Amino acid sequence: VQLPLVTINEETGLSEVNLKQKNPLIIRKHPVATSFAIFDD
């Protein structure tokens, strides 16, 4: 994911999106799942 830079115009109070300047999401942890099946208990 790359998110565009978003700012709020102080005069109008509206959001302004800059599609030319994008930043990746901040992923703080990398969870991975591992599944097991149990046979005959």
PDB file of all heavy atoms in Angstrom:
ATOM      1  N   VAL A   1       0.827  -1.216   0.000  1.00  0.00           N
ATOM      2  CA  VAL A   1       0.000   0.000   0.000  1.00  0.00           C
ATOM      3  C   VAL A   1       0.864   1.269   0.000  1.00  0.00           C
ATOM      4  O   VAL A   1       1.825   1.384   0.758  1.00  0.00           O
ATOM      5  CB  VAL A   1      -0.945   0.022   1.219  1.00  0.00           C
ATOM      6  CG1 VAL A   1      -1.666   1.368   1.339  1.00  0.00           C
ATOM      7  CG2 VAL A   1      -1.968  -1.104   1.126  1.00  0.00           C
ATOM      8  N   GLN A   2       0.503   2.195  -0.872  1.00  0.00           N
ATOM      9  CA  GLN A   2       1.118   3.527  -0.912  1.00  0.00           C
ATOM     10  C   GLN A   2      -0.004   4.554  -0.746  1.00  0.00           C
ATOM     11  O   GLN A   2      -0.913   4.617  -1.574  1.00  0.00           O
ATOM     12  CB  GLN A   2       1.835   3.753  -2.251  1.00  0.00           C
ATOM     13  CG  GLN A   2       2.990   2.811  -2.512  1.00  0.00           C
ATOM     14  CD  GLN A   2       4.302   3.305  -1.904  1.00  0.00           C
ATOM     15  OE1 GLN A   2       4.486   4.489  -1.671  1.00  0.00           O
ATOM     16  NE2 GLN A   2       5.209   2.374  -1.629  1.00  0.00           N
ATOM     17  N   LEU A   3       0.055   5.349   0.323  1.00  0.00           N
ATOM     18  CA  LEU A   3      -0.992   6.336   0.580  1.00  0.00           C
ATOM     19  C   LEU A   3      -0.535   7.730   0.144  1.00  0.00           C
ATOM     20  O   LEU A   3       0.584   8.141   0.455  1.00  0.00           O
ATOM     21  CB  LEU A   3      -1.348   6.362   2.073  1.00  0.00           C
ATOM     22  CG  LEU A   3      -1.967   5.093   2.657  1.00  0.00           C
ATOM     23  CD1 LEU A   3      -2.221   5.279   4.143  1.00  0.00           C
ATOM     24  CD2 LEU A   3      -3.253   4.723   1.935  1.00  0.00           C
ATOM     25  N   PRO A   4      -1.400   8.458  -0.567  1.00  0.00           N
ATOM     26  CA  PRO A   4      -1.021   9.817  -0.980  1.00  0.00           C
ATOM     27  C   PRO A   4      -0.951  10.763   0.222  1.00  0.00           C
ATOM     28  O   PRO A   4      -1.582  10.516   1.254  1.00  0.00           O
ATOM     29  CB  PRO A   4      -2.153  10.216  -1.931  1.00  0.00           C
ATOM     30  CG  PRO A   4      -3.316   9.379  -1.513  1.00  0.00           C
ATOM     31  CD  PRO A   4      -2.743   8.081  -1.036  1.00  0.00           C
ATOM     32  N   LEU A   5      -0.201  11.829   0.075  1.00  0.00           N
ATOM     33  CA  LEU A   5      -0.092  12.824   1.136  1.00  0.00           C
ATOM     34  C   LEU A   5      -1.399  13.617   1.211  1.00  0.00           C
ATOM     35  O   LEU A   5      -1.876  14.131   0.198  1.00  0.00           O
ATOM     36  CB  LEU A   5       1.075  13.772   0.855  1.00  0.00           C
ATOM     37  CG  LEU A   5       1.306  14.886   1.881  1.00  0.00           C
ATOM     38  CD1 LEU A   5       1.760  14.297   3.216  1.00  0.00           C
ATOM     39  CD2 LEU A   5       2.332  15.891   1.376  1.00  0.00           C
ATOM     40  N   VAL A   6      -1.977  13.702   2.398  1.00  0.00           N
ATOM     41  CA  VAL A   6      -3.231  14.434   2.595  1.00  0.00           C
ATOM     42  C   VAL A   6      -3.020  15.515   3.640  1.00  0.00           C
ATOM     43  O   VAL A   6      -2.495  15.257   4.719  1.00  0.00           O
ATOM     44  CB  VAL A   6      -4.378  13.496   3.037  1.00  0.00           C
ATOM     45  CG1 VAL A   6      -5.668  14.297   3.251  1.00  0.00           C
ATOM     46  CG2 VAL A   6      -4.607  12.401   2.015  1.00  0.00           C
ATOM     47  N   THR A   7      -3.419  16.720   3.313  1.00  0.00           N
ATOM     48  CA  THR A   7      -3.351  17.837   4.262  1.00  0.00           C
ATOM     49  C   THR A   7      -4.710  18.525   4.317  1.00  0.00           C
ATOM     50  O   THR A   7      -5.539  18.375   3.405  1.00  0.00           O
ATOM     51  CB  THR A   7      -2.281  18.859   3.838  1.00  0.00           C
ATOM     52  OG1 THR A   7      -2.536  19.262   2.480  1.00  0.00           O
ATOM     53  CG2 THR A   7      -0.886  18.273   3.934  1.00  0.00           C
ATOM     54  N   ILE A   8      -4.935  19.269   5.372  1.00  0.00           N
ATOM     55  CA  ILE A   8      -6.175  20.023   5.499  1.00  0.00           C
ATOM     56  C   ILE A   8      -5.869  21.510   5.342  1.00  0.00           C
ATOM     57  O   ILE A   8      -5.022  22.061   6.055  1.00  0.00           O
ATOM     58  CB  ILE A   8      -6.859  19.745   6.851  1.00  0.00           C
ATOM     59  CG1 ILE A   8      -7.342  18.286   6.885  1.00  0.00           C
ATOM     60  CG2 ILE A   8      -8.030  20.694   7.079  1.00  0.00           C
ATOM     61  CD1 ILE A   8      -8.088  17.891   8.127  1.00  0.00           C
ATOM     62  N   ASN A   9      -6.521  22.129   4.388  1.00  0.00           N
ATOM     63  CA  ASN A   9      -6.354  23.560   4.137  1.00  0.00           C
ATOM     64  C   ASN A   9      -6.947  24.345   5.303  1.00  0.00           C
ATOM     65  O   ASN A   9      -8.144  24.236   5.590  1.00  0.00           O
ATOM     66  CB  ASN A   9      -7.043  23.941   2.819  1.00  0.00           C
ATOM     67  CG  ASN A   9      -6.735  25.364   2.396  1.00  0.00           C
ATOM     68  OD1 ASN A   9      -6.872  26.301   3.169  1.00  0.00           O
ATOM     69  ND2 ASN A   9      -6.334  25.522   1.130  1.00  0.00           N
ATOM     70  N   GLU A  10      -6.110  25.121   5.978  1.00  0.00           N
ATOM     71  CA  GLU A  10      -6.568  25.834   7.174  1.00  0.00           C
ATOM     72  C   GLU A  10      -7.605  26.911   6.853  1.00  0.00           C
ATOM     73  O   GLU A  10      -8.462  27.215   7.681  1.00  0.00           O
ATOM     74  CB  GLU A  10      -5.367  26.471   7.893  1.00  0.00           C
ATOM     75  CG  GLU A  10      -4.411  25.446   8.496  1.00  0.00           C
ATOM     76  CD  GLU A  10      -3.265  26.094   9.244  1.00  0.00           C
ATOM     77  OE1 GLU A  10      -3.265  27.337   9.372  1.00  0.00           O
ATOM     78  OE2 GLU A  10      -2.372  25.355   9.705  1.00  0.00           O
ATOM     79  N   GLU A  11      -7.546  27.457   5.659  1.00  0.00           N
ATOM     80  CA  GLU A  11      -8.494  28.511   5.298  1.00  0.00           C
ATOM     81  C   GLU A  11      -9.876  27.955   4.973  1.00  0.00           C
ATOM     82  O   GLU A  11     -10.895  28.471   5.435  1.00  0.00           O
ATOM     83  CB  GLU A  11      -7.961  29.302   4.096  1.00  0.00           C
ATOM     84  CG  GLU A  11      -6.711  30.110   4.414  1.00  0.00           C
ATOM     85  CD  GLU A  11      -6.211  30.873   3.202  1.00  0.00           C
ATOM     86  OE1 GLU A  11      -6.926  30.896   2.169  1.00  0.00           O
ATOM     87  OE2 GLU A  11      -5.116  31.461   3.294  1.00  0.00           O
ATOM     88  N   THR A  12      -9.904  26.892   4.170  1.00  0.00           N
ATOM     89  CA  THR A  12     -11.197  26.335   3.741  1.00  0.00           C
ATOM     90  C   THR A  12     -11.679  25.190   4.638  1.00  0.00           C
ATOM     91  O   THR A  12     -12.866  24.877   4.672  1.00  0.00           O
ATOM     92  CB  THR A  12     -11.101  25.812   2.297  1.00  0.00           C
ATOM     93  OG1 THR A  12     -10.138  24.738   2.250  1.00  0.00           O
ATOM     94  CG2 THR A  12     -10.660  26.916   1.336  1.00  0.00           C
ATOM     95  N   GLY A  13     -10.721  24.551   5.344  1.00  0.00           N
ATOM     96  CA  GLY A  13     -11.089  23.401   6.175  1.00  0.00           C
ATOM     97  C   GLY A  13     -11.281  22.131   5.380  1.00  0.00           C
ATOM     98  O   GLY A  13     -11.704  21.102   5.914  1.00  0.00           O
ATOM     99  N   LEU A  14     -10.971  22.193   4.074  1.00  0.00           N
ATOM    100  CA  LEU A  14     -11.145  21.027   3.203  1.00  0.00           C
ATOM    101  C   LEU A  14      -9.838  20.251   3.077  1.00  0.00           C
ATOM    102  O   LEU A  14      -8.745  20.812   3.212  1.00  0.00           O
ATOM    103  CB  LEU A  14     -11.613  21.472   1.816  1.00  0.00           C
ATOM    104  CG  LEU A  14     -12.966  22.210   1.762  1.00  0.00           C
ATOM    105  CD1 LEU A  14     -13.221  22.718   0.353  1.00  0.00           C
ATOM    106  CD2 LEU A  14     -14.094  21.297   2.226  1.00  0.00           C
ATOM    107  N   SER A  15      -9.965  18.955   2.797  1.00  0.00           N
ATOM    108  CA  SER A  15      -8.769  18.122   2.629  1.00  0.00           C
ATOM    109  C   SER A  15      -8.219  18.265   1.219  1.00  0.00           C
ATOM    110  O   SER A  15      -8.971  18.411   0.249  1.00  0.00           O
ATOM    111  CB  SER A  15      -9.100  16.653   2.907  1.00  0.00           C
ATOM    112  OG  SER A  15     -10.116  16.196   2.027  1.00  0.00           O
ATOM    113  N   GLU A  16      -6.884  18.229   1.115  1.00  0.00           N
ATOM    114  CA  GLU A  16      -6.217  18.307  -0.177  1.00  0.00           C
ATOM    115  C   GLU A  16      -5.325  17.077  -0.333  1.00  0.00           C
ATOM    116  O   GLU A  16      -4.503  16.783   0.538  1.00  0.00           O
ATOM    117  CB  GLU A  16      -5.382  19.586  -0.266  1.00  0.00           C
ATOM    118  CG  GLU A  16      -6.227  20.854  -0.203  1.00  0.00           C
ATOM    119  CD  GLU A  16      -5.386  22.125  -0.236  1.00  0.00           C
ATOM    120  OE1 GLU A  16      -4.134  22.013  -0.162  1.00  0.00           O
ATOM    121  OE2 GLU A  16      -5.969  23.229  -0.327  1.00  0.00           O
ATOM    122  N   VAL A  17      -5.526  16.373  -1.441  1.00  0.00           N
ATOM    123  CA  VAL A  17      -4.806  15.113  -1.683  1.00  0.00           C
ATOM    124  C   VAL A  17      -3.742  15.317  -2.754  1.00  0.00           C
ATOM    125  O   VAL A  17      -4.030  15.789  -3.855  1.00  0.00           O
ATOM    126  CB  VAL A  17      -5.785  13.997  -2.127  1.00  0.00           C
ATOM    127  CG1 VAL A  17      -5.030  12.691  -2.352  1.00  0.00           C
ATOM    128  CG2 VAL A  17      -6.889  13.804  -1.093  1.00  0.00           C
ATOM    129  N   ASN A  18      -2.501  14.967  -2.402  1.00  0.00           N
ATOM    130  CA  ASN A  18      -1.383  15.069  -3.346  1.00  0.00           C
ATOM    131  C   ASN A  18      -1.038  13.665  -3.839  1.00  0.00           C
ATOM    132  O   ASN A  18      -0.326  12.904  -3.182  1.00  0.00           O
ATOM    133  CB  ASN A  18      -0.176  15.709  -2.655  1.00  0.00           C
ATOM    134  CG  ASN A  18       0.988  15.921  -3.612  1.00  0.00           C
ATOM    135  OD1 ASN A  18       0.960  15.458  -4.758  1.00  0.00           O
ATOM    136  ND2 ASN A  18       2.012  16.618  -3.156  1.00  0.00           N
ATOM    137  N   LEU A  19      -1.543  13.333  -5.036  1.00  0.00           N
ATOM    138  CA  LEU A  19      -1.345  11.982  -5.575  1.00  0.00           C
ATOM    139  C   LEU A  19       0.083  11.744  -6.053  1.00  0.00           C
ATOM    140  O   LEU A  19       0.487  10.602  -6.274  1.00  0.00           O
ATOM    141  CB  LEU A  19      -2.330  11.732  -6.720  1.00  0.00           C
ATOM    142  CG  LEU A  19      -3.815  11.678  -6.333  1.00  0.00           C
ATOM    143  CD1 LEU A  19      -4.689  11.597  -7.574  1.00  0.00           C
ATOM    144  CD2 LEU A  19      -4.092  10.499  -5.405  1.00  0.00           C
ATOM    145  N   LYS A  20       0.838  12.829  -6.228  1.00  0.00           N
ATOM    146  CA  LYS A  20       2.214  12.681  -6.703  1.00  0.00           C
ATOM    147  C   LYS A  20       3.170  12.301  -5.577  1.00  0.00           C
ATOM    148  O   LYS A  20       4.270  11.799  -5.826  1.00  0.00           O
ATOM    149  CB  LYS A  20       2.676  13.986  -7.363  1.00  0.00           C
ATOM    150  CG  LYS A  20       1.949  14.290  -8.671  1.00  0.00           C
ATOM    151  CD  LYS A  20       2.469  15.566  -9.300  1.00  0.00           C
ATOM    152  CE  LYS A  20       1.744  15.849 -10.614  1.00  0.00           C
ATOM    153  NZ  LYS A  20       2.207  17.116 -11.235  1.00  0.00           N
ATOM    154  N   GLN A  21       2.759  12.555  -4.345  1.00  0.00           N
ATOM    155  CA  GLN A  21       3.617  12.227  -3.198  1.00  0.00           C
ATOM    156  C   GLN A  21       2.947  11.145  -2.365  1.00  0.00           C
ATOM    157  O   GLN A  21       1.968  11.399  -1.667  1.00  0.00           O
ATOM    158  CB  GLN A  21       3.865  13.478  -2.342  1.00  0.00           C
ATOM    159  CG  GLN A  21       4.916  13.254  -1.256  1.00  0.00           C
ATOM    160  CD  GLN A  21       5.263  14.539  -0.527  1.00  0.00           C
ATOM    161  OE1 GLN A  21       4.944  15.622  -0.973  1.00  0.00           O
ATOM    162  NE2 GLN A  21       5.927  14.393   0.622  1.00  0.00           N
ATOM    163  N   LYS A  22       3.464   9.935  -2.472  1.00  0.00           N
ATOM    164  CA  LYS A  22       2.875   8.807  -1.752  1.00  0.00           C
ATOM    165  C   LYS A  22       3.888   8.195  -0.790  1.00  0.00           C
ATOM    166  O   LYS A  22       5.090   8.184  -1.064  1.00  0.00           O
ATOM    167  CB  LYS A  22       2.378   7.742  -2.739  1.00  0.00           C
ATOM    168  CG  LYS A  22       1.198   8.205  -3.584  1.00  0.00           C
ATOM    169  CD  LYS A  22       0.623   7.047  -4.382  1.00  0.00           C
ATOM    170  CE  LYS A  22      -0.631   7.471  -5.131  1.00  0.00           C
ATOM    171  NZ  LYS A  22      -1.280   6.328  -5.830  1.00  0.00           N
ATOM    172  N   ASN A  23       3.367   7.686   0.301  1.00  0.00           N
ATOM    173  CA  ASN A  23       4.214   7.037   1.303  1.00  0.00           C
ATOM    174  C   ASN A  23       3.678   5.658   1.637  1.00  0.00           C
ATOM    175  O   ASN A  23       2.461   5.451   1.653  1.00  0.00           O
ATOM    176  CB  ASN A  23       4.265   7.885   2.585  1.00  0.00           C
ATOM    177  CG  ASN A  23       4.907   9.238   2.353  1.00  0.00           C
ATOM    178  OD1 ASN A  23       6.023   9.316   1.871  1.00  0.00           O
ATOM    179  ND2 ASN A  23       4.188  10.307   2.671  1.00  0.00           N
ATOM    180  N   PRO A  24       4.577   4.709   1.904  1.00  0.00           N
ATOM    181  CA  PRO A  24       4.110   3.368   2.285  1.00  0.00           C
ATOM    182  C   PRO A  24       3.476   3.370   3.681  1.00  0.00           C
ATOM    183  O   PRO A  24       3.736   4.268   4.485  1.00  0.00           O
ATOM    184  CB  PRO A  24       5.394   2.525   2.274  1.00  0.00           C
ATOM    185  CG  PRO A  24       6.493   3.517   2.494  1.00  0.00           C
ATOM    186  CD  PRO A  24       6.046   4.790   1.856  1.00  0.00           C
ATOM    187  N   LEU A  25       2.631   2.394   3.917  1.00  0.00           N
ATOM    188  CA  LEU A  25       2.052   2.220   5.252  1.00  0.00           C
ATOM    189  C   LEU A  25       3.147   1.893   6.258  1.00  0.00           C
ATOM    190  O   LEU A  25       4.155   1.268   5.907  1.00  0.00           O
ATOM    191  CB  LEU A  25       1.075   1.040   5.248  1.00  0.00           C
ATOM    192  CG  LEU A  25      -0.408   1.309   4.992  1.00  0.00           C
ATOM    193  CD1 LEU A  25      -1.136  -0.029   4.996  1.00  0.00           C
ATOM    194  CD2 LEU A  25      -1.010   2.234   6.015  1.00  0.00           C
ATOM    195  N   ILE A  26       2.954   2.296   7.485  1.00  0.00           N
ATOM    196  CA  ILE A  26       3.899   1.930   8.547  1.00  0.00           C
ATOM    197  C   ILE A  26       3.470   0.575   9.103  1.00  0.00           C
ATOM    198  O   ILE A  26       2.460   0.468   9.804  1.00  0.00           O
ATOM    199  CB  ILE A  26       3.923   2.990   9.667  1.00  0.00           C
ATOM    200  CG1 ILE A  26       4.331   4.351   9.104  1.00  0.00           C
ATOM    201  CG2 ILE A  26       4.887   2.566  10.774  1.00  0.00           C
ATOM    202  CD1 ILE A  26       4.194   5.494  10.091  1.00  0.00           C
ATOM    203  N   ILE A  27       4.197  -0.469   8.732  1.00  0.00           N
ATOM    204  CA  ILE A  27       3.918  -1.818   9.243  1.00  0.00           C
ATOM    205  C   ILE A  27       4.829  -2.047  10.440  1.00  0.00           C
ATOM    206  O   ILE A  27       6.044  -2.186  10.288  1.00  0.00           O
ATOM    207  CB  ILE A  27       4.178  -2.904   8.166  1.00  0.00           C
ATOM    208  CG1 ILE A  27       3.461  -2.555   6.859  1.00  0.00           C
ATOM    209  CG2 ILE A  27       3.755  -4.273   8.681  1.00  0.00           C
ATOM    210  CD1 ILE A  27       1.977  -2.632   6.896  1.00  0.00           C
ATOM    211  N   ARG A  28       4.263  -2.091  11.630  1.00  0.00           N
ATOM    212  CA  ARG A  28       5.078  -2.178  12.846  1.00  0.00           C
ATOM    213  C   ARG A  28       5.432  -3.625  13.217  1.00  0.00           C
ATOM    214  O   ARG A  28       6.477  -3.886  13.802  1.00  0.00           O
ATOM    215  CB  ARG A  28       4.356  -1.495  14.009  1.00  0.00           C
ATOM    216  CG  ARG A  28       4.179   0.013  13.757  1.00  0.00           C
ATOM    217  CD  ARG A  28       3.652   0.731  14.967  1.00  0.00           C
ATOM    218  NE  ARG A  28       3.519   2.162  14.716  1.00  0.00           N
ATOM    219  CZ  ARG A  28       4.488   3.047  14.912  1.00  0.00           C
ATOM    220  NH1 ARG A  28       5.664   2.652  15.344  1.00  0.00           N
ATOM    221  NH2 ARG A  28       4.267   4.333  14.678  1.00  0.00           N
ATOM    222  N   LYS A  29       4.551  -4.553  12.893  1.00  0.00           N
ATOM    223  CA  LYS A  29       4.814  -5.972  13.160  1.00  0.00           C
ATOM    224  C   LYS A  29       4.395  -6.789  11.946  1.00  0.00           C
ATOM    225  O   LYS A  29       3.553  -6.364  11.157  1.00  0.00           O
ATOM    226  CB  LYS A  29       4.038  -6.457  14.398  1.00  0.00           C
ATOM    227  CG  LYS A  29       4.443  -5.777  15.706  1.00  0.00           C
ATOM    228  CD  LYS A  29       5.855  -6.165  16.111  1.00  0.00           C
ATOM    229  CE  LYS A  29       6.268  -5.454  17.398  1.00  0.00           C
ATOM    230  NZ  LYS A  29       7.651  -5.747  17.767  1.00  0.00           N
ATOM    231  N   HIS A  30       4.999  -7.974  11.806  1.00  0.00           N
ATOM    232  CA  HIS A  30       4.708  -8.834  10.662  1.00  0.00           C
ATOM    233  C   HIS A  30       4.167 -10.187  11.155  1.00  0.00           C
ATOM    234  O   HIS A  30       4.928 -11.146  11.274  1.00  0.00           O
ATOM    235  CB  HIS A  30       5.971  -9.045   9.820  1.00  0.00           C
ATOM    236  CG  HIS A  30       6.506  -7.791   9.212  1.00  0.00           C
ATOM    237  ND1 HIS A  30       7.188  -6.842   9.943  1.00  0.00           N
ATOM    238  CD2 HIS A  30       6.439  -7.318   7.934  1.00  0.00           C
ATOM    239  CE1 HIS A  30       7.527  -5.841   9.148  1.00  0.00           C
ATOM    240  NE2 HIS A  30       7.090  -6.098   7.931  1.00  0.00           N
ATOM    241  N   PRO A  31       2.869 -10.259  11.457  1.00  0.00           N
ATOM    242  CA  PRO A  31       2.308 -11.519  11.943  1.00  0.00           C
ATOM    243  C   PRO A  31       2.213 -12.570  10.835  1.00  0.00           C
ATOM    244  O   PRO A  31       1.906 -12.251   9.686  1.00  0.00           O
ATOM    245  CB  PRO A  31       0.912 -11.122  12.432  1.00  0.00           C
ATOM    246  CG  PRO A  31       0.558  -9.926  11.611  1.00  0.00           C
ATOM    247  CD  PRO A  31       1.848  -9.193  11.378  1.00  0.00           C
ATOM    248  N   VAL A  32       2.514 -13.802  11.195  1.00  0.00           N
ATOM    249  CA  VAL A  32       2.387 -14.940  10.276  1.00  0.00           C
ATOM    250  C   VAL A  32       1.655 -16.056  11.008  1.00  0.00           C
ATOM    251  O   VAL A  32       1.977 -16.365  12.162  1.00  0.00           O
ATOM    252  CB  VAL A  32       3.774 -15.425   9.794  1.00  0.00           C
ATOM    253  CG1 VAL A  32       3.648 -16.740   9.029  1.00  0.00           C
ATOM    254  CG2 VAL A  32       4.445 -14.370   8.922  1.00  0.00           C
ATOM    255  N   ALA A  33       0.665 -16.649  10.333  1.00  0.00           N
ATOM    256  CA  ALA A  33      -0.119 -17.732  10.933  1.00  0.00           C
ATOM    257  C   ALA A  33       0.416 -19.089  10.487  1.00  0.00           C
ATOM    258  O   ALA A  33       0.839 -19.255   9.345  1.00  0.00           O
ATOM    259  CB  ALA A  33      -1.595 -17.600  10.536  1.00  0.00           C
ATOM    260  N   THR A  34       0.401 -20.041  11.426  1.00  0.00           N
ATOM    261  CA  THR A  34       0.807 -21.420  11.126  1.00  0.00           C
ATOM    262  C   THR A  34      -0.253 -22.351  11.700  1.00  0.00           C
ATOM    263  O   THR A  34      -0.496 -22.347  12.905  1.00  0.00           O
ATOM    264  CB  THR A  34       2.175 -21.750  11.751  1.00  0.00           C
ATOM    265  OG1 THR A  34       3.132 -20.773  11.324  1.00  0.00           O
ATOM    266  CG2 THR A  34       2.653 -23.130  11.332  1.00  0.00           C
ATOM    267  N   SER A  35      -0.890 -23.132  10.837  1.00  0.00           N
ATOM    268  CA  SER A  35      -1.993 -23.988  11.269  1.00  0.00           C
ATOM    269  C   SER A  35      -1.600 -25.461  11.314  1.00  0.00           C
ATOM    270  O   SER A  35      -0.794 -25.933  10.510  1.00  0.00           O
ATOM    271  CB  SER A  35      -3.200 -23.807  10.345  1.00  0.00           C
ATOM    272  OG  SER A  35      -3.732 -22.506  10.473  1.00  0.00           O
ATOM    273  N   PHE A  36      -2.220 -26.159  12.267  1.00  0.00           N
ATOM    274  CA  PHE A  36      -1.971 -27.586  12.470  1.00  0.00           C
ATOM    275  C   PHE A  36      -3.304 -28.320  12.559  1.00  0.00           C
ATOM    276  O   PHE A  36      -4.285 -27.779  13.076  1.00  0.00           O
ATOM    277  CB  PHE A  36      -1.215 -27.828  13.787  1.00  0.00           C
ATOM    278  CG  PHE A  36       0.096 -27.097  13.902  1.00  0.00           C
ATOM    279  CD1 PHE A  36       0.129 -25.763  14.297  1.00  0.00           C
ATOM    280  CD2 PHE A  36       1.293 -27.743  13.635  1.00  0.00           C
ATOM    281  CE1 PHE A  36       1.333 -25.080  14.414  1.00  0.00           C
ATOM    282  CE2 PHE A  36       2.506 -27.065  13.743  1.00  0.00           C
ATOM    283  CZ  PHE A  36       2.522 -25.731  14.130  1.00  0.00           C
ATOM    284  N   ALA A  37      -3.327 -29.556  12.068  1.00  0.00           N
ATOM    285  CA  ALA A  37      -4.478 -30.437  12.271  1.00  0.00           C
ATOM    286  C   ALA A  37      -4.062 -31.518  13.262  1.00  0.00           C
ATOM    287  O   ALA A  37      -2.914 -31.965  13.265  1.00  0.00           O
ATOM    288  CB  ALA A  37      -4.912 -31.064  10.954  1.00  0.00           C
ATOM    289  N   ILE A  38      -5.004 -31.885  14.123  1.00  0.00           N
ATOM    290  CA  ILE A  38      -4.732 -32.895  15.144  1.00  0.00           C
ATOM    291  C   ILE A  38      -5.449 -34.188  14.747  1.00  0.00           C
ATOM    292  O   ILE A  38      -6.664 -34.191  14.525  1.00  0.00           O
ATOM    293  CB  ILE A  38      -5.244 -32.424  16.528  1.00  0.00           C
ATOM    294  CG1 ILE A  38      -4.706 -31.026  16.848  1.00  0.00           C
ATOM    295  CG2 ILE A  38      -4.845 -33.419  17.616  1.00  0.00           C
ATOM    296  CD1 ILE A  38      -5.478 -30.316  17.954  1.00  0.00           C
ATOM    297  N   PHE A  39      -4.686 -35.272  14.622  1.00  0.00           N
ATOM    298  CA  PHE A  39      -5.267 -36.564  14.274  1.00  0.00           C
ATOM    299  C   PHE A  39      -5.269 -37.487  15.495  1.00  0.00           C
ATOM    300  O   PHE A  39      -4.255 -37.587  16.203  1.00  0.00           O
ATOM    301  CB  PHE A  39      -4.484 -37.220  13.133  1.00  0.00           C
ATOM    302  CG  PHE A  39      -5.011 -36.866  11.772  1.00  0.00           C
ATOM    303  CD1 PHE A  39      -4.641 -35.670  11.160  1.00  0.00           C
ATOM    304  CD2 PHE A  39      -5.897 -37.694  11.108  1.00  0.00           C
ATOM    305  CE1 PHE A  39      -5.123 -35.328   9.916  1.00  0.00           C
ATOM    306  CE2 PHE A  39      -6.388 -37.365   9.851  1.00  0.00           C
ATOM    307  CZ  PHE A  39      -6.002 -36.181   9.257  1.00  0.00           C
ATOM    308  N   ASP A  40      -6.401 -38.150  15.714  1.00  0.00           N
ATOM    309  CA  ASP A  40      -6.534 -39.122  16.817  1.00  0.00           C
ATOM    310  C   ASP A  40      -6.077 -38.524  18.153  1.00  0.00           C
ATOM    311  O   ASP A  40      -5.466 -39.216  18.981  1.00  0.00           O
ATOM    312  CB  ASP A  40      -5.740 -40.404  16.506  1.00  0.00           C
ATOM    313  CG  ASP A  40      -6.321 -41.133  15.298  1.00  0.00           C
ATOM    314  OD1 ASP A  40      -7.541 -41.023  15.081  1.00  0.00           O
ATOM    315  OD2 ASP A  40      -5.561 -41.785  14.575  1.00  0.00           O
ATOM    316  N   ASP A  41      -6.350 -37.241  18.343  1.00  0.00           N
ATOM    317  CA  ASP A  41      -6.104 -36.529  19.610  1.00  0.00           C
ATOM    318  C   ASP A  41      -4.626 -36.314  19.948  1.00  0.00           C
ATOM    319  O   ASP A  41      -4.314 -35.647  20.930  1.00  0.00           O
ATOM    320  CB  ASP A  41      -6.783 -37.245  20.793  1.00  0.00           C
ATOM    321  CG  ASP A  41      -8.283 -37.322  20.621  1.00  0.00           C
ATOM    322  OD1 ASP A  41      -8.847 -36.422  19.965  1.00  0.00           O
ATOM    323  OD2 ASP A  41      -8.899 -38.272  21.129  1.00  0.00           O
TER     324      ASP A  41
END
